[in-house]
């Protein structure tokens, strides 16, 4: 009968332990409130155990209070153990009898052992394993057997003979079972709290997203809807559930959504598809991002669909496009104005130069001769500047026309070098022309513009080379795949050179390698910009390689036969 009573007592404690776990799920697992409520629950379980004891003899009862109080200390801490022990000890004192002193001592000792285990378990989590929990239960019940010394000497022997074997065999195992149940409950509660925190975090994240978030089936049916901006929905969220995109959206928008779902079936995701919805304030543009859900077993796949409103982006794009067109139109107007004005200024300036030349045939004093020479020099410089502006303006306005004719390469290059030879001699520079043997006799293009492209870097080379050599070389590059043969002209000098940073800007209009160059040598900074534009119009390219103090090399590549558009 004693073993049956023990089993009944243990079963009651297990049932009450589950009840305790269910109640604890309603309370936050920290703070004084938890400790007090937990202590009351443990104490209540202990009281029930005391109320259903095994009666060994009048005044001597045996129950499972030691397990409950010890577990209260082990899993609840000192306050929980104190509340539970006070309830159980108070009731046991009220019952009285010869075993009251032993019962109270067992309660207090079990609670103390539980509290010690509580702190040890926090420092050494490994103690919560099966061996540790069994030893914990054994220690509690060894304490209980030791407390039999508080019984009258006449009943000690009988009591030990009755309880020692069950206590040492069954109760440590019962304690182990109860502790394992509490450990499982602890783990479940921790997991539940983590899931709840994760759910709250996810919900906060969803609420922070300004986009519309849906869960859809492959047929376009709505299963969930999350929308911080409810006004972006075609109908309230609760009216969407169970309906399909075909029911709720215009045909074109519904088709885009279904296509995105089909793409996500094949690849797992879909991005960038857009559709437009009418609204009272104008068109609303949406962009879809679709991802297939994993790990969910249903009759058809489910998809998470993010619908982003970035309407503002479409409006911004329209505004930028309009601003771009306006800027391009303004730039064309500016270029046309400069072209017209340059032409209008150049006409009277040419007349002025003509009058200056006529004055040379008249009788002039030496002073007048010097004035006339300065006038001629200034007028020529101004005419050159205006011609550069006119050329650049025509190129930017798209009004420049290139002649397409066949001209002799060697002859034109010889003329270019001859034009600059006098200037080179004045500076005591060696001017060389090196033409490759395989150079073709003729090429197709505009000979005047070709001269202009070569003259500018050649003139710069002579201008910025204080001593040494300026060399013009020409060769034929082998044709590349699907491209005609190309002519390469190199203008090399031993002049001042150009820094790497300045090389990045040298082909920009109104740019010179050094700000002091304008004051020292003159020039508008348009020459190389015009050369670059003309070279590109002729289907070629121009580049520079240079090092400060070691000279420069300008390379021009042009097709020998221009491809027809």
Protein backbone atom coordinates (compact mmCIF):
# COMPACT_ATOMS: atom_id res chain seq x y z
CA UNK A 1 0.00 0.00 0.00
CA UNK A 2 2.85 2.41 0.73
CA UNK A 3 4.16 2.16 -2.81
CA UNK A 4 0.70 2.75 -4.22
CA UNK A 5 0.39 5.82 -2.01
CA UNK A 6 3.78 7.03 -3.23
CA UNK A 7 2.76 6.63 -6.87
CA UNK A 8 -0.52 8.47 -6.23
CA UNK A 9 1.37 11.25 -4.50
CA UNK A 10 3.85 11.56 -7.35
CA UNK A 11 1.04 11.59 -9.93
CA UNK A 12 -0.67 14.38 -8.04
CA UNK A 13 2.56 16.42 -7.99
CA UNK A 14 3.07 15.90 -11.72
CA UNK A 15 -0.48 17.06 -12.46
CA UNK A 16 -0.11 20.10 -10.25
CA UNK A 17 3.29 20.80 -11.84
CA UNK A 18 1.64 21.02 -15.27
CA UNK A 19 -0.98 23.37 -13.80
CA UNK A 20 1.81 25.49 -12.40
CA UNK A 21 3.48 25.63 -15.79
CA UNK A 22 0.26 26.69 -17.50
CA UNK A 23 -0.23 29.49 -14.99
CA UNK A 24 3.37 30.66 -15.30
CA UNK A 25 2.91 31.20 -19.02
CA UNK A 26 0.56 34.05 -18.11
CA UNK A 27 3.20 35.83 -16.02
CA UNK A 28 6.41 37.50 -17.10
CA UNK A 29 9.30 35.31 -15.93
CA UNK A 30 11.08 37.94 -13.88
CA UNK A 31 10.56 40.41 -11.05
CA UNK A 32 8.94 40.29 -7.63
CA UNK A 33 5.46 39.62 -8.99
CA UNK A 34 6.58 36.39 -10.63
CA UNK A 35 8.42 35.26 -7.50
CA UNK A 36 5.38 35.85 -5.24
CA UNK A 37 2.84 34.18 -7.52
CA UNK A 38 5.21 31.30 -8.19
CA UNK A 39 5.78 30.87 -4.45
CA UNK A 40 2.03 30.79 -3.81
CA UNK A 41 1.57 28.16 -6.51
CA UNK A 42 4.41 25.98 -5.20
CA UNK A 43 3.11 26.43 -1.67
CA UNK A 44 -0.39 25.45 -2.79
CA UNK A 45 0.96 22.29 -4.42
CA UNK A 46 2.88 21.48 -1.22
CA UNK A 47 -0.29 21.99 0.88
CA UNK A 48 -2.22 19.61 -1.34
CA UNK A 49 0.55 17.08 -0.87
CA UNK A 50 0.38 17.49 2.90
CA UNK A 51 -3.41 17.14 2.80
CA UNK A 52 -3.13 13.78 1.01
CA UNK A 53 -0.38 12.10 3.04
CA UNK A 54 0.53 8.56 3.82
CA UNK A 55 -0.26 8.07 7.51
CA UNK A 56 2.34 5.83 9.10
CA UNK A 57 0.95 6.16 12.62
CA UNK A 58 -1.09 8.76 14.51
CA UNK A 59 0.75 12.07 14.27
CA UNK A 60 3.33 10.73 11.78
CA UNK A 61 2.59 11.46 8.10
CA UNK A 62 4.65 11.18 4.96
CA UNK A 63 4.10 13.28 1.75
CA UNK A 64 5.89 14.88 -1.19
CA UNK A 65 6.42 18.34 0.26
CA UNK A 66 10.22 17.99 0.19
CA UNK A 67 10.19 17.58 -3.61
CA UNK A 68 7.89 20.57 -4.16
CA UNK A 69 9.74 22.93 -1.82
CA UNK A 70 13.14 21.92 -3.22
CA UNK A 71 11.92 22.43 -6.79
CA UNK A 72 10.47 25.81 -5.76
CA UNK A 73 13.93 26.93 -4.67
CA UNK A 74 15.69 25.35 -7.66
CA UNK A 75 13.50 26.97 -10.33
CA UNK A 76 12.05 30.02 -8.55
CA UNK A 77 14.85 31.31 -6.36
CA UNK A 78 14.90 32.44 -2.73
CA UNK A 79 11.64 34.45 -2.67
CA UNK A 80 9.63 31.69 -4.32
CA UNK A 81 11.15 29.09 -2.00
CA UNK A 82 10.56 31.34 1.04
CA UNK A 83 6.86 31.89 0.27
CA UNK A 84 6.24 28.20 -0.48
CA UNK A 85 8.20 27.03 2.60
CA UNK A 86 6.37 29.48 4.87
CA UNK A 87 2.98 28.19 3.69
CA UNK A 88 3.95 24.54 4.04
CA UNK A 89 5.76 24.98 7.38
CA UNK A 90 2.93 27.01 8.83
CA UNK A 91 0.38 24.39 7.90
CA UNK A 92 2.58 21.58 9.21
CA UNK A 93 3.02 23.42 12.48
CA UNK A 94 -0.75 23.83 12.72
CA UNK A 95 -1.21 20.09 12.24
CA UNK A 96 1.12 19.38 15.14
CA UNK A 97 1.97 15.84 16.24
CA UNK A 98 5.20 14.12 17.09
CA UNK A 99 6.54 14.59 13.56
CA UNK A 100 5.93 18.37 13.38
CA UNK A 101 9.50 19.32 14.18
CA UNK A 102 10.86 16.90 11.59
CA UNK A 103 8.36 18.08 8.99
CA UNK A 104 9.25 21.75 9.48
CA UNK A 105 12.97 20.95 9.37
CA UNK A 106 12.50 18.97 6.14
CA UNK A 107 10.61 21.92 4.59
CA UNK A 108 13.24 24.50 5.56
CA UNK A 109 16.17 22.29 4.55
CA UNK A 110 14.62 21.32 1.20
CA UNK A 111 14.00 24.98 0.41
CA UNK A 112 17.58 25.85 1.32
CA UNK A 113 19.02 23.06 -0.83
CA UNK A 114 16.79 24.24 -3.71
CA UNK A 115 18.06 27.85 -3.39
CA UNK A 116 21.68 26.67 -3.39
CA UNK A 117 20.91 24.63 -6.50
CA UNK A 118 19.28 27.73 -8.06
CA UNK A 119 22.50 29.75 -7.87
CA UNK A 120 24.71 26.82 -8.86
CA UNK A 121 22.54 26.17 -11.91
CA UNK A 122 22.84 29.79 -13.03
CA UNK A 123 26.64 29.65 -12.81
CA UNK A 124 27.00 26.12 -14.18
CA UNK A 125 24.14 25.29 -16.62
CA UNK A 126 25.61 21.80 -17.11
CA UNK A 127 24.40 20.82 -13.63
CA UNK A 128 20.84 20.74 -15.02
CA UNK A 129 21.53 17.41 -16.73
CA UNK A 130 20.13 14.04 -15.63
CA UNK A 131 22.99 13.17 -13.23
CA UNK A 132 22.86 16.59 -11.59
CA UNK A 133 19.08 16.48 -11.08
CA UNK A 134 19.22 12.94 -9.67
CA UNK A 135 21.94 13.92 -7.19
CA UNK A 136 19.87 16.98 -6.27
CA UNK A 137 16.87 14.78 -5.43
CA UNK A 138 19.05 12.31 -3.54
CA UNK A 139 20.56 15.12 -1.44
CA UNK A 140 17.10 16.47 -0.57
CA UNK A 141 15.89 13.11 0.63
CA UNK A 142 19.06 12.26 2.48
CA UNK A 143 18.36 15.48 4.37
CA UNK A 144 14.86 14.23 5.07
CA UNK A 145 16.20 10.91 6.42
CA UNK A 146 18.66 12.82 8.56
CA UNK A 147 15.84 14.92 10.03
CA UNK A 148 14.37 11.75 11.62
CA UNK A 149 16.63 12.47 14.61
CA UNK A 150 14.01 15.07 15.58
CA UNK A 151 11.44 12.31 16.12
CA UNK A 152 10.93 10.69 19.51
CA UNK A 153 13.46 7.92 19.98
CA UNK A 154 10.67 5.36 20.23
CA UNK A 155 9.51 5.92 16.65
CA UNK A 156 12.84 6.64 14.89
CA UNK A 157 13.64 3.03 14.19
CA UNK A 158 10.12 2.24 12.96
CA UNK A 159 10.08 5.36 10.78
CA UNK A 160 13.46 4.63 9.20
CA UNK A 161 12.46 1.04 8.55
CA UNK A 162 9.31 2.27 6.83
CA UNK A 163 10.58 5.20 4.73
CA UNK A 164 14.30 4.68 4.04
CA UNK A 165 14.02 2.33 1.08
CA UNK A 166 11.17 4.20 -0.72
CA UNK A 167 12.81 7.54 -0.03
CA UNK A 168 16.21 6.51 -1.39
CA UNK A 169 14.84 4.53 -4.35
CA UNK A 170 11.68 6.27 -5.52
CA UNK A 171 11.86 9.87 -4.34
CA UNK A 172 15.15 10.86 -6.09
CA UNK A 173 13.66 9.46 -9.30
CA UNK A 174 10.43 11.35 -8.62
CA UNK A 175 12.44 14.52 -8.04
CA UNK A 176 14.34 13.89 -11.27
CA UNK A 177 11.03 13.49 -13.13
CA UNK A 178 9.56 16.70 -11.69
CA UNK A 179 12.77 18.64 -12.42
CA UNK A 180 12.78 17.39 -15.99
CA UNK A 181 9.18 18.52 -16.39
CA UNK A 182 10.11 21.96 -15.08
CA UNK A 183 13.17 22.11 -17.33
CA UNK A 184 11.01 21.28 -20.33
CA UNK A 185 8.53 23.94 -19.28
CA UNK A 186 11.34 26.45 -18.87
CA UNK A 187 12.63 25.68 -22.33
CA UNK A 188 9.15 25.90 -23.82
CA UNK A 189 8.52 29.20 -22.09
CA UNK A 190 11.88 30.58 -23.31
CA UNK A 191 11.10 29.47 -26.86
CA UNK A 192 7.59 30.91 -26.63
CA UNK A 193 8.92 34.23 -25.34
CA UNK A 194 11.56 34.30 -28.10
CA UNK A 195 8.88 33.58 -30.70
CA UNK A 196 6.66 36.24 -29.22
CA UNK A 197 9.53 38.74 -29.28
CA UNK A 198 10.31 37.73 -32.85
CA UNK A 199 6.65 38.09 -33.77
CA UNK A 200 6.51 41.52 -32.17
CA UNK A 201 9.73 42.56 -33.90
CA UNK A 202 8.43 41.29 -37.24
CA UNK A 203 5.15 43.09 -36.70
CA UNK A 204 7.02 46.31 -35.87
CA UNK A 205 9.13 45.86 -38.98
CA UNK A 206 6.05 45.31 -41.12
CA UNK A 207 4.41 48.38 -39.62
CA UNK A 208 7.55 50.41 -40.35
CA UNK A 209 7.52 49.45 -44.03
CA UNK A 210 5.64 52.06 -46.07
CA UNK A 211 4.95 49.48 -48.79
CA UNK A 212 2.01 47.13 -49.15
CA UNK A 213 2.71 43.53 -48.15
CA UNK A 214 0.52 40.63 -49.27
CA UNK A 215 0.47 36.86 -49.15
CA UNK A 216 -0.94 35.48 -52.38
CA UNK A 217 -1.59 32.07 -53.89
CA UNK A 218 -0.58 31.07 -57.39
CA UNK A 219 -4.09 31.93 -58.62
CA UNK A 220 -3.72 35.47 -57.28
CA UNK A 221 -5.89 34.91 -54.21
CA UNK A 222 -5.24 37.14 -51.19
CA UNK A 223 -4.48 35.26 -47.94
CA UNK A 224 -3.02 38.10 -45.87
CA UNK A 225 -2.56 41.86 -46.18
CA UNK A 226 -0.35 44.25 -44.20
CA UNK A 227 -0.66 47.94 -45.02
CA UNK A 228 0.44 50.90 -42.95
CA UNK A 229 -1.01 53.23 -45.57
CA UNK A 230 -4.53 51.88 -45.93
CA UNK A 231 -5.38 54.60 -48.41
CA UNK A 232 -3.17 52.90 -51.01
CA UNK A 233 -5.43 49.81 -51.04
CA UNK A 234 -8.20 49.57 -53.62
CA UNK A 235 -10.55 48.39 -50.81
CA UNK A 236 -10.11 47.89 -47.04
CA UNK A 237 -7.76 45.04 -46.16
CA UNK A 238 -10.46 42.75 -44.71
CA UNK A 239 -12.35 42.89 -48.01
CA UNK A 240 -9.33 41.61 -49.94
CA UNK A 241 -8.98 38.29 -48.11
CA UNK A 242 -10.33 35.39 -50.12
CA UNK A 243 -10.65 37.47 -53.28
CA UNK A 244 -8.29 37.36 -56.28
CA UNK A 245 -6.31 40.04 -58.07
CA UNK A 246 -8.60 39.53 -61.08
CA UNK A 247 -11.54 40.52 -58.84
CA UNK A 248 -9.90 43.58 -57.31
CA UNK A 249 -7.54 45.07 -59.92
CA UNK A 250 -7.91 46.34 -63.50
CA UNK A 251 -7.07 43.67 -66.13
CA UNK A 252 -3.67 45.12 -67.00
CA UNK A 253 -2.55 45.36 -63.36
CA UNK A 254 -3.92 41.89 -62.56
CA UNK A 255 -2.03 40.48 -65.54
CA UNK A 256 1.24 41.98 -64.29
CA UNK A 257 0.68 40.41 -60.84
CA UNK A 258 -0.09 36.97 -62.28
CA UNK A 259 2.98 37.14 -64.56
CA UNK A 260 5.14 37.98 -61.54
CA UNK A 261 3.70 34.97 -59.65
CA UNK A 262 4.45 32.68 -62.59
CA UNK A 263 8.03 33.97 -62.75
CA UNK A 264 8.42 33.37 -59.01
CA UNK A 265 7.21 29.78 -59.47
CA UNK A 266 10.03 29.16 -61.96
CA UNK A 267 12.87 31.13 -60.32
CA UNK A 268 11.78 31.63 -56.72
CA UNK A 269 11.44 35.40 -57.06
CA UNK A 270 10.39 38.25 -59.35
CA UNK A 271 11.43 41.90 -59.23
CA UNK A 272 10.83 45.14 -61.09
CA UNK A 273 7.42 44.56 -62.70
CA UNK A 274 5.30 47.72 -62.66
CA UNK A 275 1.65 48.59 -63.09
CA UNK A 276 -0.49 51.68 -62.73
CA UNK A 277 -3.79 52.19 -60.89
CA UNK A 278 -6.13 55.16 -61.31
CA UNK A 279 -6.88 57.26 -58.24
CA UNK A 280 -8.81 60.46 -57.49
CA UNK A 281 -5.50 62.37 -57.18
CA UNK A 282 -3.96 60.94 -60.34
CA UNK A 283 -2.15 57.80 -61.40
CA UNK A 284 -0.50 55.58 -58.78
CA UNK A 285 2.46 53.51 -59.95
CA UNK A 286 3.48 50.33 -58.13
CA UNK A 287 6.53 48.08 -58.43
CA UNK A 288 6.33 44.42 -57.39
CA UNK A 289 8.84 42.26 -55.57
CA UNK A 290 7.69 38.64 -55.24
CA UNK A 291 9.31 35.77 -53.31
CA UNK A 292 8.05 32.21 -53.02
CA UNK A 293 7.44 31.05 -49.45
CA UNK A 294 9.30 27.95 -48.31
CA UNK A 295 8.47 25.36 -45.69
CA UNK A 296 4.68 25.78 -45.96
CA UNK A 297 2.76 22.75 -47.19
CA UNK A 298 -0.52 23.74 -48.87
CA UNK A 299 -2.47 22.71 -51.92
CA UNK A 300 -0.63 25.37 -53.91
CA UNK A 301 2.48 27.51 -53.41
CA UNK A 302 2.23 30.78 -51.48
CA UNK A 303 4.07 34.01 -52.26
CA UNK A 304 5.08 37.11 -50.33
CA UNK A 305 4.36 40.13 -52.52
CA UNK A 306 5.80 43.57 -51.75
CA UNK A 307 4.00 46.32 -53.64
CA UNK A 308 5.93 49.59 -53.55
CA UNK A 309 4.31 52.93 -54.35
CA UNK A 310 8.39 55.08 -55.47
CA UNK A 311 4.58 57.19 -57.96
CA UNK A 312 6.74 59.95 -56.64
CA UNK A 313 9.67 58.43 -58.51
CA UNK A 314 7.68 58.36 -61.76
CA UNK A 315 6.72 61.99 -61.26
CA UNK A 316 10.33 62.83 -60.47
CA UNK A 317 11.46 61.02 -63.62
CA UNK A 318 8.98 63.03 -65.67
CA UNK A 319 10.23 66.26 -64.13
CA UNK A 320 13.86 65.29 -64.74
CA UNK A 321 13.07 64.37 -68.34
CA UNK A 322 11.29 67.66 -68.88
CA UNK A 323 14.20 69.52 -67.28
CA UNK A 324 16.63 67.62 -69.50
CA UNK A 325 14.70 68.51 -72.64
CA UNK A 326 14.52 72.11 -71.51
CA UNK A 327 18.27 72.20 -70.82
CA UNK A 328 19.05 70.61 -74.19
CA UNK A 329 16.79 73.09 -75.93
CA UNK A 330 18.42 75.97 -74.07
CA UNK A 331 21.86 74.61 -74.98
CA UNK A 332 20.88 74.40 -78.65
CA UNK A 333 19.56 77.94 -78.56
CA UNK A 334 22.80 79.09 -76.90
CA UNK A 335 24.94 77.29 -79.46
CA UNK A 336 22.93 78.67 -82.34
CA UNK A 337 23.17 82.15 -80.85
CA UNK A 338 26.94 81.85 -80.44
CA UNK A 339 27.28 80.52 -83.97
CA UNK A 340 25.24 83.38 -85.39
CA UNK A 341 26.96 86.02 -83.28
CA UNK A 342 30.42 84.64 -84.06
CA UNK A 343 29.59 84.80 -87.74
CA UNK A 344 28.23 88.33 -87.42
CA UNK A 345 31.34 89.47 -85.49
CA UNK A 346 33.74 87.76 -87.87
CA UNK A 347 32.29 89.56 -90.94
CA UNK A 348 33.15 93.13 -89.84
CA UNK A 349 36.41 91.89 -88.35
CA UNK A 350 37.45 90.51 -91.72
CA UNK A 351 36.61 93.92 -93.17
CA UNK A 352 38.77 95.56 -90.53
CA UNK A 353 41.69 93.27 -91.39
CA UNK A 354 41.22 94.11 -95.05
CA UNK A 355 41.42 97.83 -94.29
CA UNK A 356 44.57 97.23 -92.21
CA UNK A 357 46.18 95.44 -95.13
CA UNK A 358 45.21 98.27 -97.49
CA UNK A 359 46.77 100.78 -95.12
CA UNK A 360 50.10 99.02 -95.60
CA UNK A 361 50.12 100.31 -99.17
CA UNK A 362 49.92 103.90 -97.97
CA UNK A 363 52.77 106.09 -96.75
CA UNK A 364 53.19 105.51 -92.99
CA UNK A 365 55.56 106.80 -90.39
CA UNK A 366 57.56 104.33 -88.28
CA UNK A 367 55.24 104.95 -85.31
CA UNK A 368 52.13 104.36 -87.47
CA UNK A 369 53.77 101.20 -88.84
CA UNK A 370 54.13 99.84 -85.29
CA UNK A 371 50.53 100.73 -84.46
CA UNK A 372 49.35 99.04 -87.65
CA UNK A 373 51.36 95.91 -86.87
CA UNK A 374 49.80 95.69 -83.38
CA UNK A 375 46.33 96.20 -84.86
CA UNK A 376 46.95 93.40 -87.35
CA UNK A 377 48.23 91.05 -84.63
CA UNK A 378 45.32 91.78 -82.28
CA UNK A 379 42.78 91.43 -85.09
CA UNK A 380 44.26 88.10 -86.19
CA UNK A 381 44.19 86.80 -82.62
CA UNK A 382 40.60 87.94 -82.19
CA UNK A 383 39.62 86.37 -85.52
CA UNK A 384 41.21 83.07 -84.49
CA UNK A 385 39.32 83.13 -81.19
CA UNK A 386 36.02 83.91 -82.89
CA UNK A 387 36.64 81.15 -85.43
CA UNK A 388 37.19 78.66 -82.58
CA UNK A 389 33.96 79.75 -80.87
CA UNK A 390 32.12 79.51 -84.18
CA UNK A 391 33.44 76.00 -84.81
CA UNK A 392 32.57 74.77 -81.30
CA UNK A 393 29.11 76.37 -81.46
CA UNK A 394 28.39 74.77 -84.82
CA UNK A 395 29.48 71.37 -83.52
CA UNK A 396 27.30 71.63 -80.40
CA UNK A 397 24.36 72.90 -82.41
CA UNK A 398 24.77 70.07 -84.91
CA UNK A 399 25.19 72.53 -87.76
CA UNK A 400 28.68 71.60 -88.87
CA UNK A 401 28.90 69.66 -92.14
CA UNK A 402 31.91 67.56 -93.01
CA UNK A 403 32.97 67.20 -96.62
CA UNK A 404 33.39 63.64 -97.85
CA UNK A 405 36.06 63.58 -100.51
CA UNK A 406 39.25 61.70 -101.31
CA UNK A 407 42.50 63.57 -100.58
CA UNK A 408 46.23 62.68 -100.57
CA UNK A 409 47.43 61.94 -97.04
CA UNK A 410 51.13 62.63 -97.57
CA UNK A 411 50.58 65.95 -99.32
CA UNK A 412 48.20 67.24 -96.63
CA UNK A 413 50.55 66.26 -93.81
CA UNK A 414 53.49 67.93 -95.59
CA UNK A 415 51.40 71.12 -95.91
CA UNK A 416 50.54 71.01 -92.18
CA UNK A 417 54.22 70.73 -91.23
CA UNK A 418 55.17 73.43 -93.71
CA UNK A 419 52.65 75.85 -92.15
CA UNK A 420 54.34 75.50 -88.73
CA UNK A 421 57.94 75.27 -89.94
CA UNK A 422 58.59 79.01 -89.77
CA UNK A 423 57.41 79.18 -86.14
CA UNK A 424 59.59 76.18 -85.26
CA UNK A 425 62.67 77.82 -86.85
CA UNK A 426 62.09 81.01 -84.87
CA UNK A 427 62.38 78.92 -81.66
CA UNK A 428 65.33 76.88 -82.99
CA UNK A 429 63.28 73.68 -82.74
CA UNK A 430 63.84 70.65 -84.92
CA UNK A 431 60.57 69.85 -86.74
CA UNK A 432 60.40 66.36 -88.25
CA UNK A 433 57.89 64.49 -90.43
CA UNK A 434 58.04 60.70 -90.50
CA UNK A 435 55.67 58.91 -92.92
CA UNK A 436 55.55 55.09 -92.86
CA UNK A 437 56.27 53.23 -96.08
CA UNK A 438 52.92 51.40 -95.93
CA UNK A 439 50.97 54.65 -95.60
CA UNK A 440 48.09 54.72 -98.11
CA UNK A 441 48.22 57.40 -100.76
CA UNK A 442 44.68 58.66 -100.11
CA UNK A 443 41.93 58.65 -97.49
CA UNK A 444 38.30 59.68 -97.38
CA UNK A 445 37.10 62.66 -95.37
CA UNK A 446 37.25 66.45 -95.03
CA UNK A 447 40.82 67.65 -95.82
CA UNK A 448 40.35 71.08 -94.19
CA UNK A 449 39.06 69.58 -90.93
CA UNK A 450 41.79 66.94 -91.12
CA UNK A 451 44.37 69.74 -91.25
CA UNK A 452 42.65 71.48 -88.33
CA UNK A 453 42.80 68.30 -86.22
CA UNK A 454 46.58 67.94 -86.78
CA UNK A 455 47.45 71.64 -86.74
CA UNK A 456 46.21 72.29 -83.21
CA UNK A 457 48.29 69.67 -81.33
CA UNK A 458 51.25 70.50 -83.62
CA UNK A 459 50.92 74.22 -82.85
CA UNK A 460 50.63 73.46 -79.13
CA UNK A 461 53.71 71.21 -79.29
CA UNK A 462 55.77 74.03 -80.83
CA UNK A 463 54.31 76.59 -78.43
CA UNK A 464 55.07 74.58 -75.26
CA UNK A 465 58.47 73.18 -76.28
CA UNK A 466 61.25 75.63 -75.34
CA UNK A 467 63.98 73.48 -76.94
CA UNK A 468 64.44 70.10 -78.55
CA UNK A 469 62.32 68.30 -81.16
CA UNK A 470 58.75 68.19 -82.39
CA UNK A 471 57.95 65.18 -84.54
CA UNK A 472 54.88 64.28 -86.62
CA UNK A 473 54.63 60.62 -87.65
CA UNK A 474 51.93 58.75 -89.55
CA UNK A 475 51.33 55.02 -89.99
CA UNK A 476 48.59 52.60 -90.95
CA UNK A 477 47.02 50.41 -88.24
CA UNK A 478 45.95 46.92 -89.18
CA UNK A 479 42.17 46.61 -89.61
CA UNK A 480 40.24 45.12 -86.70
CA UNK A 481 37.25 42.81 -86.98
CA UNK A 482 34.36 44.51 -88.84
CA UNK A 483 36.35 47.79 -88.91
CA UNK A 484 38.25 49.45 -91.76
CA UNK A 485 41.95 50.23 -91.71
CA UNK A 486 42.84 53.26 -89.61
CA UNK A 487 45.36 56.04 -89.93
CA UNK A 488 47.36 56.93 -86.79
CA UNK A 489 49.07 60.32 -86.54
CA UNK A 490 51.35 60.98 -83.56
CA UNK A 491 52.56 64.46 -82.56
CA UNK A 492 55.46 64.14 -80.10
CA UNK A 493 57.44 66.88 -78.39
CA UNK A 494 60.11 67.33 -75.74
CA UNK A 495 58.27 70.18 -74.05
CA UNK A 496 56.92 70.97 -70.61
CA UNK A 497 54.56 67.98 -70.42
CA UNK A 498 51.14 67.61 -68.82
CA UNK A 499 50.33 66.18 -65.35
CA UNK A 500 48.10 63.11 -65.03
CA UNK A 501 45.34 65.14 -63.37
CA UNK A 502 45.43 67.80 -66.08
CA UNK A 503 45.26 65.15 -68.82
CA UNK A 504 41.74 64.27 -67.63
CA UNK A 505 40.50 67.79 -68.41
CA UNK A 506 42.58 68.90 -71.36
CA UNK A 507 39.96 68.04 -73.99
CA UNK A 508 37.20 69.98 -72.18
CA UNK A 509 36.22 73.39 -73.63
CA UNK A 510 37.91 76.48 -72.17
CA UNK A 511 40.44 74.27 -70.31
CA UNK A 512 44.21 74.59 -70.33
CA UNK A 513 46.74 72.52 -68.45
CA UNK A 514 47.95 75.47 -66.39
CA UNK A 515 46.21 78.73 -65.52
CA UNK A 516 49.36 80.69 -66.27
CA UNK A 517 49.42 79.45 -69.88
CA UNK A 518 46.84 81.97 -71.03
CA UNK A 519 48.86 84.83 -69.63
CA UNK A 520 52.16 83.48 -70.98
CA UNK A 521 51.20 82.02 -74.36
CA UNK A 522 47.65 83.20 -75.05
CA UNK A 523 44.87 81.05 -76.49
CA UNK A 524 41.26 80.30 -75.64
CA UNK A 525 41.53 76.68 -74.54
CA UNK A 526 39.07 75.63 -77.25
CA UNK A 527 41.48 74.10 -79.75
CA UNK A 528 41.78 70.58 -78.33
CA UNK A 529 38.06 70.46 -77.51
CA UNK A 530 37.31 71.25 -81.17
CA UNK A 531 39.87 68.66 -82.31
CA UNK A 532 38.22 66.02 -80.14
CA UNK A 533 34.71 66.80 -81.44
CA UNK A 534 35.88 66.87 -85.06
CA UNK A 535 37.80 63.61 -84.63
CA UNK A 536 34.71 61.90 -83.19
CA UNK A 537 32.53 63.30 -86.01
CA UNK A 538 34.97 61.76 -88.48
CA UNK A 539 34.67 58.37 -86.72
CA UNK A 540 38.01 58.52 -84.92
CA UNK A 541 39.48 59.29 -81.51
CA UNK A 542 42.24 61.39 -79.96
CA UNK A 543 44.16 60.81 -76.74
CA UNK A 544 47.26 62.09 -74.96
CA UNK A 545 50.16 60.50 -73.10
CA UNK A 546 52.45 62.83 -71.19
CA UNK A 547 54.70 63.32 -68.19
CA UNK A 548 55.67 66.61 -66.59
CA UNK A 549 59.04 67.82 -67.80
CA UNK A 550 59.40 65.01 -70.35
CA UNK A 551 57.11 66.08 -73.18
CA UNK A 552 53.80 64.90 -74.61
CA UNK A 553 52.44 62.69 -77.35
CA UNK A 554 49.02 63.30 -78.94
CA UNK A 555 47.67 60.30 -80.87
CA UNK A 556 44.94 60.72 -83.50
CA UNK A 557 43.23 57.72 -85.08
CA UNK A 558 40.94 58.14 -88.11
CA UNK A 559 39.34 55.64 -90.47
CA UNK A 560 40.99 55.72 -93.88
CA UNK A 561 37.61 54.94 -95.46
CA UNK A 562 34.62 56.38 -93.58
CA UNK A 563 31.86 53.90 -92.86
CA UNK A 564 28.54 54.93 -94.34
CA UNK A 565 25.69 55.38 -91.81
